[in-house]
Amino acid sequence: MTSRLDTPSISLGRIAIHAVLILAVLLYLVPLVVMLLTSFKTPEDIGAGNLLSWPTVFTGIGWAKAWATVSGYFWNSIMITVPAVLISTTIGALNGYVLSMWRFRGSQLFFGLLLFGCFLPFQTVLLPASFTLGKLGLASTTSGLVLVHVVYGLAFTTLFFRNYYVTIPDALVKAARLDGAGFFTIFGRIILPMSTPIIMVCLIWQFTQIWNDFLFGVVFSSGDSQPITVALNNLVNTSTGAKEYNVDMAAAMIAGLPTLLVYIVAGKYFVRGLTAGAVKG
């Protein structure tokens, strides 16, 4: 009888929770809806002043103008983000593998010092990074930005992989050693096939951080080597004549679509990979 009496209250509680969550989602999506609708409006529709109104005439002129303006910078961001993500993830995987399964004297101290990189604000590395890039001849280049993002991201990727790998039983590595497997054989044939969730975490994390970065982009690049975030800022703040909000909104949507697609494709691995190292290590 008690369970039957409790059922209506449980149902009402769940309905209330879902109602609150749906309301929160709708409120969260309002800016996205405004951006999307505005990007397809004509200047006359925008001048009417109703942000949530349906476009009188759907037009892709804003998207065409936005793409013509930021397309070069969009590909700059691709050329910066993809190599930086792949390199930092690969090195982070090797670092985590060594620090969890091939420990050496001082490895814990090394790992602790490496973690300081997770707490360093962007601003603290601007001057040393500028000096280093200048000495290497990589100032104001996409290669220089790739190097900066790789170095800055290594602390995070190493942390993620190390915390994930300590949950893998040591017996697997010991058995492989007894069978004569070496460092890279164990890593390639045993560890990597088990690393899909944490690899996806690092890919998503690094892609989001690098693609959305503005500070490093505006400091370490110039002219045609700038990423799309800097180009978007320039488009919004330096346009002359009548303000074309449809172009601005379309450009913002173009800049945000890659990260949205990454989360849609690989987002299911994100929480699973982040919590995988929460029990041990």
C-alpha atoms as a PDB file:
ATOM      1  CA  MET A   1       0.000   0.000   0.000  1.00  0.00           C
ATOM      2  CA  THR A   2       2.822   2.379   0.790  1.00  0.00           C
ATOM      3  CA  SER A   3       4.390   2.036  -2.638  1.00  0.00           C
ATOM      4  CA  ARG A   4       1.030   2.647  -4.312  1.00  0.00           C
ATOM      5  CA  LEU A   5       0.479   5.806  -2.286  1.00  0.00           C
ATOM      6  CA  ASP A   6       3.968   7.053  -3.100  1.00  0.00           C
ATOM      7  CA  THR A   7       3.608   6.533  -6.852  1.00  0.00           C
ATOM      8  CA  PRO A   8       1.537   9.689  -7.617  1.00  0.00           C
ATOM      9  CA  SER A   9       3.935  11.913  -5.643  1.00  0.00           C
ATOM     10  CA  ILE A  10       6.925  10.408  -7.456  1.00  0.00           C
ATOM     11  CA  SER A  11       5.242  10.974 -10.798  1.00  0.00           C
ATOM     12  CA  LEU A  12       4.364  14.556  -9.934  1.00  0.00           C
ATOM     13  CA  GLY A  13       7.930  15.147  -8.786  1.00  0.00           C
ATOM     14  CA  ARG A  14       9.325  13.826 -12.043  1.00  0.00           C
ATOM     15  CA  ILE A  15       6.892  15.932 -14.037  1.00  0.00           C
ATOM     16  CA  ALA A  16       7.942  19.029 -12.105  1.00  0.00           C
ATOM     17  CA  ILE A  17      11.642  18.274 -12.658  1.00  0.00           C
ATOM     18  CA  HIS A  18      11.121  17.703 -16.376  1.00  0.00           C
ATOM     19  CA  ALA A  19       9.058  20.892 -16.650  1.00  0.00           C
ATOM     20  CA  VAL A  20      11.819  22.935 -15.013  1.00  0.00           C
ATOM     21  CA  LEU A  21      14.465  21.337 -17.245  1.00  0.00           C
ATOM     22  CA  ILE A  22      12.443  21.971 -20.393  1.00  0.00           C
ATOM     23  CA  LEU A  23      11.938  25.594 -19.359  1.00  0.00           C
ATOM     24  CA  ALA A  24      15.669  25.974 -18.742  1.00  0.00           C
ATOM     25  CA  VAL A  25      16.446  24.484 -22.153  1.00  0.00           C
ATOM     26  CA  LEU A  26      14.005  26.828 -23.878  1.00  0.00           C
ATOM     27  CA  LEU A  27      15.498  29.864 -22.122  1.00  0.00           C
ATOM     28  CA  TYR A  28      18.997  28.684 -22.994  1.00  0.00           C
ATOM     29  CA  LEU A  29      18.053  28.286 -26.657  1.00  0.00           C
ATOM     30  CA  VAL A  30      16.523  31.769 -27.030  1.00  0.00           C
ATOM     31  CA  PRO A  31      19.830  33.441 -28.065  1.00  0.00           C
ATOM     32  CA  LEU A  32      20.480  30.676 -30.611  1.00  0.00           C
ATOM     33  CA  VAL A  33      16.977  31.046 -32.060  1.00  0.00           C
ATOM     34  CA  VAL A  34      17.404  34.833 -32.275  1.00  0.00           C
ATOM     35  CA  MET A  35      20.749  34.429 -34.064  1.00  0.00           C
ATOM     36  CA  LEU A  36      19.363  31.879 -36.505  1.00  0.00           C
ATOM     37  CA  LEU A  37      16.233  33.866 -37.350  1.00  0.00           C
ATOM     38  CA  THR A  38      18.167  37.135 -37.688  1.00  0.00           C
ATOM     39  CA  SER A  39      20.704  35.545 -40.036  1.00  0.00           C
ATOM     40  CA  PHE A  40      17.917  34.757 -42.521  1.00  0.00           C
ATOM     41  CA  LYS A  41      16.170  38.122 -42.279  1.00  0.00           C
ATOM     42  CA  THR A  42      16.396  41.130 -44.544  1.00  0.00           C
ATOM     43  CA  PRO A  43      17.558  44.473 -43.099  1.00  0.00           C
ATOM     44  CA  GLU A  44      13.951  45.670 -43.278  1.00  0.00           C
ATOM     45  CA  ASP A  45      12.753  42.763 -41.108  1.00  0.00           C
ATOM     46  CA  ILE A  46      15.515  43.408 -38.611  1.00  0.00           C
ATOM     47  CA  GLY A  47      14.576  47.092 -38.487  1.00  0.00           C
ATOM     48  CA  ALA A  48      11.054  46.149 -37.391  1.00  0.00           C
ATOM     49  CA  GLY A  49      12.553  45.408 -33.976  1.00  0.00           C
ATOM     50  CA  ASN A  50      10.946  42.053 -33.066  1.00  0.00           C
ATOM     51  CA  LEU A  51      13.868  39.698 -32.442  1.00  0.00           C
ATOM     52  CA  LEU A  52      11.741  36.541 -32.245  1.00  0.00           C
ATOM     53  CA  SER A  53       9.531  37.317 -35.240  1.00  0.00           C
ATOM     54  CA  TRP A  54       9.536  34.937 -38.193  1.00  0.00           C
ATOM     55  CA  PRO A  55      11.318  36.363 -41.256  1.00  0.00           C
ATOM     56  CA  THR A  56       8.893  37.882 -43.757  1.00  0.00           C
ATOM     57  CA  VAL A  57      11.164  36.639 -46.540  1.00  0.00           C
ATOM     58  CA  PHE A  58      13.863  34.037 -45.970  1.00  0.00           C
ATOM     59  CA  THR A  59      17.118  35.120 -47.582  1.00  0.00           C
ATOM     60  CA  GLY A  60      20.607  33.642 -47.574  1.00  0.00           C
ATOM     61  CA  ILE A  61      22.307  36.922 -48.492  1.00  0.00           C
ATOM     62  CA  GLY A  62      23.589  37.351 -44.934  1.00  0.00           C
ATOM     63  CA  TRP A  63      25.152  33.877 -44.998  1.00  0.00           C
ATOM     64  CA  ALA A  64      26.722  34.487 -48.405  1.00  0.00           C
ATOM     65  CA  LYS A  65      28.266  37.798 -47.301  1.00  0.00           C
ATOM     66  CA  ALA A  66      29.440  36.303 -44.026  1.00  0.00           C
ATOM     67  CA  TRP A  67      31.099  33.330 -45.719  1.00  0.00           C
ATOM     68  CA  ALA A  68      32.784  35.593 -48.267  1.00  0.00           C
ATOM     69  CA  THR A  69      34.211  37.628 -45.387  1.00  0.00           C
ATOM     70  CA  VAL A  70      35.321  34.901 -42.959  1.00  0.00           C
ATOM     71  CA  SER A  71      35.910  31.842 -45.156  1.00  0.00           C
ATOM     72  CA  GLY A  72      39.683  32.358 -45.311  1.00  0.00           C
ATOM     73  CA  TYR A  73      39.882  32.743 -41.543  1.00  0.00           C
ATOM     74  CA  PHE A  74      37.639  29.695 -41.112  1.00  0.00           C
ATOM     75  CA  TRP A  75      40.200  27.565 -42.944  1.00  0.00           C
ATOM     76  CA  ASN A  76      42.947  29.192 -40.883  1.00  0.00           C
ATOM     77  CA  SER A  77      41.191  27.909 -37.764  1.00  0.00           C
ATOM     78  CA  ILE A  78      40.951  24.450 -39.319  1.00  0.00           C
ATOM     79  CA  MET A  79      44.685  24.462 -40.084  1.00  0.00           C
ATOM     80  CA  ILE A  80      45.445  25.592 -36.532  1.00  0.00           C
ATOM     81  CA  THR A  81      42.985  23.413 -34.635  1.00  0.00           C
ATOM     82  CA  VAL A  82      43.319  20.024 -36.326  1.00  0.00           C
ATOM     83  CA  PRO A  83      47.118  19.612 -36.007  1.00  0.00           C
ATOM     84  CA  ALA A  84      47.174  21.121 -32.507  1.00  0.00           C
ATOM     85  CA  VAL A  85      44.441  18.754 -31.323  1.00  0.00           C
ATOM     86  CA  LEU A  86      46.056  15.662 -32.848  1.00  0.00           C
ATOM     87  CA  ILE A  87      49.577  16.473 -31.627  1.00  0.00           C
ATOM     88  CA  SER A  88      48.580  17.417 -28.078  1.00  0.00           C
ATOM     89  CA  THR A  89      46.327  14.362 -27.781  1.00  0.00           C
ATOM     90  CA  THR A  90      49.039  12.003 -29.035  1.00  0.00           C
ATOM     91  CA  ILE A  91      51.726  13.400 -26.737  1.00  0.00           C
ATOM     92  CA  GLY A  92      49.276  13.506 -23.828  1.00  0.00           C
ATOM     93  CA  ALA A  93      48.449   9.826 -24.383  1.00  0.00           C
ATOM     94  CA  LEU A  94      52.128   8.880 -24.306  1.00  0.00           C
ATOM     95  CA  ASN A  95      52.715  11.026 -21.208  1.00  0.00           C
ATOM     96  CA  GLY A  96      49.765   9.483 -19.396  1.00  0.00           C
ATOM     97  CA  TYR A  97      50.891   5.990 -20.399  1.00  0.00           C
ATOM     98  CA  VAL A  98      54.399   6.567 -19.021  1.00  0.00           C
ATOM     99  CA  LEU A  99      53.243   8.269 -15.816  1.00  0.00           C
ATOM    100  CA  SER A 100      50.728   5.523 -15.009  1.00  0.00           C
ATOM    101  CA  MET A 101      52.418   2.298 -16.173  1.00  0.00           C
ATOM    102  CA  TRP A 102      56.134   2.995 -16.634  1.00  0.00           C
ATOM    103  CA  ARG A 103      56.781   5.024 -13.518  1.00  0.00           C
ATOM    104  CA  PHE A 104      60.289   6.245 -12.887  1.00  0.00           C
ATOM    105  CA  ARG A 105      62.010   7.951  -9.977  1.00  0.00           C
ATOM    106  CA  GLY A 106      60.508  11.413  -9.614  1.00  0.00           C
ATOM    107  CA  SER A 107      57.526  10.668 -11.877  1.00  0.00           C
ATOM    108  CA  GLN A 108      55.034  11.824  -9.254  1.00  0.00           C
ATOM    109  CA  LEU A 109      56.930  15.081  -8.782  1.00  0.00           C
ATOM    110  CA  PHE A 110      57.077  15.538 -12.549  1.00  0.00           C
ATOM    111  CA  PHE A 111      53.339  14.935 -12.817  1.00  0.00           C
ATOM    112  CA  GLY A 112      52.635  17.392 -10.004  1.00  0.00           C
ATOM    113  CA  LEU A 113      54.746  20.086 -11.649  1.00  0.00           C
ATOM    114  CA  LEU A 114      53.069  19.422 -14.977  1.00  0.00           C
ATOM    115  CA  LEU A 115      49.677  20.020 -13.385  1.00  0.00           C
ATOM    116  CA  PHE A 116      50.626  23.631 -12.724  1.00  0.00           C
ATOM    117  CA  GLY A 117      50.017  24.146 -16.428  1.00  0.00           C
ATOM    118  CA  CYS A 118      46.305  23.522 -15.853  1.00  0.00           C
ATOM    119  CA  PHE A 119      46.083  26.539 -13.558  1.00  0.00           C
ATOM    120  CA  LEU A 120      48.142  29.054 -15.498  1.00  0.00           C
ATOM    121  CA  PRO A 121      45.989  31.849 -16.954  1.00  0.00           C
ATOM    122  CA  PHE A 122      46.478  32.601 -20.635  1.00  0.00           C
ATOM    123  CA  GLN A 123      47.831  36.046 -19.818  1.00  0.00           C
ATOM    124  CA  THR A 124      50.837  34.705 -17.896  1.00  0.00           C
ATOM    125  CA  VAL A 125      52.326  32.973 -20.946  1.00  0.00           C
ATOM    126  CA  LEU A 126      51.886  35.765 -23.489  1.00  0.00           C
ATOM    127  CA  LEU A 127      55.305  37.378 -23.061  1.00  0.00           C
ATOM    128  CA  PRO A 128      57.382  34.155 -22.799  1.00  0.00           C
ATOM    129  CA  ALA A 129      55.486  32.631 -25.718  1.00  0.00           C
ATOM    130  CA  SER A 130      55.990  35.772 -27.827  1.00  0.00           C
ATOM    131  CA  PHE A 131      59.711  35.732 -27.074  1.00  0.00           C
ATOM    132  CA  THR A 132      59.993  32.022 -27.934  1.00  0.00           C
ATOM    133  CA  LEU A 133      58.039  32.327 -31.175  1.00  0.00           C
ATOM    134  CA  GLY A 134      60.163  35.277 -32.200  1.00  0.00           C
ATOM    135  CA  LYS A 135      63.373  33.306 -31.608  1.00  0.00           C
ATOM    136  CA  LEU A 136      61.988  30.373 -33.597  1.00  0.00           C
ATOM    137  CA  GLY A 137      60.842  32.603 -36.468  1.00  0.00           C
ATOM    138  CA  LEU A 138      57.205  31.550 -35.966  1.00  0.00           C
ATOM    139  CA  ALA A 139      55.743  34.897 -34.899  1.00  0.00           C
ATOM    140  CA  SER A 140      52.430  35.818 -36.598  1.00  0.00           C
ATOM    141  CA  THR A 141      52.117  32.408 -38.293  1.00  0.00           C
ATOM    142  CA  THR A 142      49.632  29.563 -38.076  1.00  0.00           C
ATOM    143  CA  SER A 143      52.505  27.212 -37.176  1.00  0.00           C
ATOM    144  CA  GLY A 144      53.313  29.414 -34.202  1.00  0.00           C
ATOM    145  CA  LEU A 145      49.718  29.253 -32.988  1.00  0.00           C
ATOM    146  CA  VAL A 146      49.762  25.471 -33.373  1.00  0.00           C
ATOM    147  CA  LEU A 147      52.882  25.270 -31.195  1.00  0.00           C
ATOM    148  CA  VAL A 148      51.384  27.532 -28.511  1.00  0.00           C
ATOM    149  CA  HIS A 149      48.168  25.509 -28.313  1.00  0.00           C
ATOM    150  CA  VAL A 150      50.045  22.199 -28.229  1.00  0.00           C
ATOM    151  CA  VAL A 151      52.271  23.305 -25.350  1.00  0.00           C
ATOM    152  CA  TYR A 152      49.420  24.892 -23.405  1.00  0.00           C
ATOM    153  CA  GLY A 153      47.158  21.859 -23.876  1.00  0.00           C
ATOM    154  CA  LEU A 154      49.684  19.184 -22.844  1.00  0.00           C
ATOM    155  CA  ALA A 155      48.986  19.616 -19.126  1.00  0.00           C
ATOM    156  CA  PHE A 156      45.278  18.894 -19.659  1.00  0.00           C
ATOM    157  CA  THR A 157      45.676  15.963 -22.052  1.00  0.00           C
ATOM    158  CA  THR A 158      48.332  14.367 -19.830  1.00  0.00           C
ATOM    159  CA  LEU A 159      46.053  14.708 -16.806  1.00  0.00           C
ATOM    160  CA  PHE A 160      43.107  13.152 -18.628  1.00  0.00           C
ATOM    161  CA  PHE A 161      45.057  10.205 -19.989  1.00  0.00           C
ATOM    162  CA  ARG A 162      46.987   9.531 -16.785  1.00  0.00           C
ATOM    163  CA  ASN A 163      43.796   9.446 -14.686  1.00  0.00           C
ATOM    164  CA  TYR A 164      42.199   7.116 -17.216  1.00  0.00           C
ATOM    165  CA  TYR A 165      45.153   4.743 -17.510  1.00  0.00           C
ATOM    166  CA  VAL A 166      45.539   4.225 -13.762  1.00  0.00           C
ATOM    167  CA  THR A 167      42.163   2.449 -13.858  1.00  0.00           C
ATOM    168  CA  ILE A 168      43.566  -0.203 -16.244  1.00  0.00           C
ATOM    169  CA  PRO A 169      44.868  -3.251 -14.296  1.00  0.00           C
ATOM    170  CA  ASP A 170      48.655  -3.400 -14.071  1.00  0.00           C
ATOM    171  CA  ALA A 171      48.435  -7.147 -14.661  1.00  0.00           C
ATOM    172  CA  LEU A 172      47.767  -6.525 -18.360  1.00  0.00           C
ATOM    173  CA  VAL A 173      51.016  -4.647 -18.798  1.00  0.00           C
ATOM    174  CA  LYS A 174      52.992  -7.119 -16.669  1.00  0.00           C
ATOM    175  CA  ALA A 175      51.657 -10.056 -18.663  1.00  0.00           C
ATOM    176  CA  ALA A 176      52.552  -8.335 -21.922  1.00  0.00           C
ATOM    177  CA  ARG A 177      56.073  -7.666 -20.643  1.00  0.00           C
ATOM    178  CA  LEU A 178      56.487 -11.327 -19.750  1.00  0.00           C
ATOM    179  CA  ASP A 179      55.466 -12.209 -23.299  1.00  0.00           C
ATOM    180  CA  GLY A 180      58.227  -9.976 -24.614  1.00  0.00           C
ATOM    181  CA  ALA A 181      56.128  -6.973 -25.658  1.00  0.00           C
ATOM    182  CA  GLY A 182      57.928  -3.643 -25.563  1.00  0.00           C
ATOM    183  CA  PHE A 183      56.916  -0.094 -24.769  1.00  0.00           C
ATOM    184  CA  PHE A 184      55.235   0.804 -28.072  1.00  0.00           C
ATOM    185  CA  THR A 185      53.802  -2.687 -28.669  1.00  0.00           C
ATOM    186  CA  ILE A 186      51.944  -2.583 -25.356  1.00  0.00           C
ATOM    187  CA  PHE A 187      50.801   0.961 -26.039  1.00  0.00           C
ATOM    188  CA  GLY A 188      49.599   0.277 -29.587  1.00  0.00           C
ATOM    189  CA  ARG A 189      48.034  -3.167 -29.164  1.00  0.00           C
ATOM    190  CA  ILE A 190      46.699  -3.116 -25.601  1.00  0.00           C
ATOM    191  CA  ILE A 191      46.323   0.418 -24.281  1.00  0.00           C
ATOM    192  CA  LEU A 192      45.130   2.382 -27.314  1.00  0.00           C
ATOM    193  CA  PRO A 193      42.225   0.030 -28.182  1.00  0.00           C
ATOM    194  CA  MET A 194      40.908   0.616 -24.647  1.00  0.00           C
ATOM    195  CA  SER A 195      41.308   4.405 -24.837  1.00  0.00           C
ATOM    196  CA  THR A 196      38.432   5.460 -27.093  1.00  0.00           C
ATOM    197  CA  PRO A 197      36.424   7.315 -24.393  1.00  0.00           C
ATOM    198  CA  ILE A 198      39.360   9.361 -23.112  1.00  0.00           C
ATOM    199  CA  ILE A 199      40.626  10.049 -26.619  1.00  0.00           C
ATOM    200  CA  MET A 200      37.239  11.510 -27.466  1.00  0.00           C
ATOM    201  CA  VAL A 201      37.324  13.596 -24.271  1.00  0.00           C
ATOM    202  CA  CYS A 202      40.680  15.081 -25.238  1.00  0.00           C
ATOM    203  CA  LEU A 203      39.613  15.679 -28.823  1.00  0.00           C
ATOM    204  CA  ILE A 204      36.461  17.491 -27.725  1.00  0.00           C
ATOM    205  CA  TRP A 205      38.229  19.443 -24.979  1.00  0.00           C
ATOM    206  CA  GLN A 206      41.131  20.544 -27.126  1.00  0.00           C
ATOM    207  CA  PHE A 207      39.015  21.272 -30.186  1.00  0.00           C
ATOM    208  CA  THR A 208      36.672  23.477 -28.154  1.00  0.00           C
ATOM    209  CA  GLN A 209      39.475  25.307 -26.366  1.00  0.00           C
ATOM    210  CA  ILE A 210      41.524  25.949 -29.501  1.00  0.00           C
ATOM    211  CA  TRP A 211      38.689  26.737 -31.905  1.00  0.00           C
ATOM    212  CA  ASN A 212      37.069  29.216 -29.494  1.00  0.00           C
ATOM    213  CA  ASP A 213      40.345  30.842 -28.434  1.00  0.00           C
ATOM    214  CA  PHE A 214      40.542  34.575 -29.012  1.00  0.00           C
ATOM    215  CA  LEU A 215      43.427  35.814 -26.869  1.00  0.00           C
ATOM    216  CA  PHE A 216      46.195  33.691 -28.396  1.00  0.00           C
ATOM    217  CA  GLY A 217      44.759  34.327 -31.845  1.00  0.00           C
ATOM    218  CA  VAL A 218      44.756  38.098 -31.525  1.00  0.00           C
ATOM    219  CA  VAL A 219      48.216  38.236 -29.887  1.00  0.00           C
ATOM    220  CA  PHE A 220      50.169  35.661 -31.915  1.00  0.00           C
ATOM    221  CA  SER A 221      48.652  36.166 -35.380  1.00  0.00           C
ATOM    222  CA  SER A 222      48.121  39.030 -37.782  1.00  0.00           C
ATOM    223  CA  GLY A 223      46.625  39.692 -41.179  1.00  0.00           C
ATOM    224  CA  ASP A 224      45.734  36.619 -43.178  1.00  0.00           C
ATOM    225  CA  SER A 225      46.945  34.194 -40.486  1.00  0.00           C
ATOM    226  CA  GLN A 226      44.236  35.141 -37.964  1.00  0.00           C
ATOM    227  CA  PRO A 227      41.677  32.534 -36.797  1.00  0.00           C
ATOM    228  CA  ILE A 228      37.963  32.962 -37.271  1.00  0.00           C
ATOM    229  CA  THR A 229      37.349  34.241 -33.729  1.00  0.00           C
ATOM    230  CA  VAL A 230      39.534  37.284 -34.414  1.00  0.00           C
ATOM    231  CA  ALA A 231      37.941  37.769 -37.831  1.00  0.00           C
ATOM    232  CA  LEU A 232      34.477  37.637 -36.264  1.00  0.00           C
ATOM    233  CA  ASN A 233      35.453  40.302 -33.735  1.00  0.00           C
ATOM    234  CA  ASN A 234      36.836  42.491 -36.524  1.00  0.00           C
ATOM    235  CA  LEU A 235      33.678  42.008 -38.598  1.00  0.00           C
ATOM    236  CA  VAL A 236      31.362  43.006 -35.758  1.00  0.00           C
ATOM    237  CA  ASN A 237      33.387  45.950 -34.466  1.00  0.00           C
ATOM    238  CA  THR A 238      34.893  47.526 -37.582  1.00  0.00           C
ATOM    239  CA  SER A 239      32.062  47.433 -40.116  1.00  0.00           C
ATOM    240  CA  THR A 240      31.241  50.783 -41.698  1.00  0.00           C
ATOM    241  CA  GLY A 241      27.955  52.166 -42.928  1.00  0.00           C
ATOM    242  CA  ALA A 242      24.611  50.574 -42.063  1.00  0.00           C
ATOM    243  CA  LYS A 243      24.947  47.739 -39.547  1.00  0.00           C
ATOM    244  CA  GLU A 244      24.205  44.373 -41.181  1.00  0.00           C
ATOM    245  CA  TYR A 245      23.090  42.277 -38.244  1.00  0.00           C
ATOM    246  CA  ASN A 246      22.104  39.395 -40.491  1.00  0.00           C
ATOM    247  CA  VAL A 247      25.720  39.138 -41.683  1.00  0.00           C
ATOM    248  CA  ASP A 248      27.051  39.347 -38.115  1.00  0.00           C
ATOM    249  CA  MET A 249      24.696  36.620 -36.895  1.00  0.00           C
ATOM    250  CA  ALA A 250      25.459  34.364 -39.850  1.00  0.00           C
ATOM    251  CA  ALA A 251      29.187  34.769 -39.255  1.00  0.00           C
ATOM    252  CA  ALA A 252      28.722  33.908 -35.574  1.00  0.00           C
ATOM    253  CA  MET A 253      26.776  30.780 -36.561  1.00  0.00           C
ATOM    254  CA  ILE A 254      29.521  29.767 -38.998  1.00  0.00           C
ATOM    255  CA  ALA A 255      32.116  30.194 -36.248  1.00  0.00           C
ATOM    256  CA  GLY A 256      30.110  28.084 -33.805  1.00  0.00           C
ATOM    257  CA  LEU A 257      29.015  25.225 -36.076  1.00  0.00           C
ATOM    258  CA  PRO A 258      32.233  23.125 -35.928  1.00  0.00           C
ATOM    259  CA  THR A 259      32.205  22.817 -32.134  1.00  0.00           C
ATOM    260  CA  LEU A 260      28.494  22.025 -32.219  1.00  0.00           C
ATOM    261  CA  LEU A 261      29.093  19.238 -34.726  1.00  0.00           C
ATOM    262  CA  VAL A 262      31.950  17.821 -32.634  1.00  0.00           C
ATOM    263  CA  TYR A 263      29.717  17.592 -29.563  1.00  0.00           C
ATOM    264  CA  ILE A 264      26.869  16.033 -31.546  1.00  0.00           C
ATOM    265  CA  VAL A 265      29.130  13.360 -33.047  1.00  0.00           C
ATOM    266  CA  ALA A 266      31.306  12.542 -30.028  1.00  0.00           C
ATOM    267  CA  GLY A 267      29.527  14.049 -27.027  1.00  0.00           C
ATOM    268  CA  LYS A 268      28.301  10.695 -25.661  1.00  0.00           C
ATOM    269  CA  TYR A 269      31.893   9.775 -24.801  1.00  0.00           C
ATOM    270  CA  PHE A 270      32.622  12.989 -22.940  1.00  0.00           C
ATOM    271  CA  VAL A 271      31.132  12.343 -19.487  1.00  0.00           C
ATOM    272  CA  ARG A 272      32.041   8.646 -19.602  1.00  0.00           C
ATOM    273  CA  GLY A 273      35.685   9.450 -20.328  1.00  0.00           C
ATOM    274  CA  LEU A 274      35.938  12.227 -17.736  1.00  0.00           C
ATOM    275  CA  THR A 275      34.543  10.046 -14.930  1.00  0.00           C
ATOM    276  CA  ALA A 276      36.511   6.936 -15.876  1.00  0.00           C
ATOM    277  CA  GLY A 277      39.440   7.892 -13.639  1.00  0.00           C
ATOM    278  CA  ALA A 278      37.354   9.042 -10.696  1.00  0.00           C
ATOM    279  CA  VAL A 279      37.565   5.811  -8.678  1.00  0.00           C
ATOM    280  CA  LYS A 280      41.268   5.001  -8.725  1.00  0.00           C
ATOM    281  CA  GLY A 281      44.363   7.203  -8.945  1.00  0.00           C
END
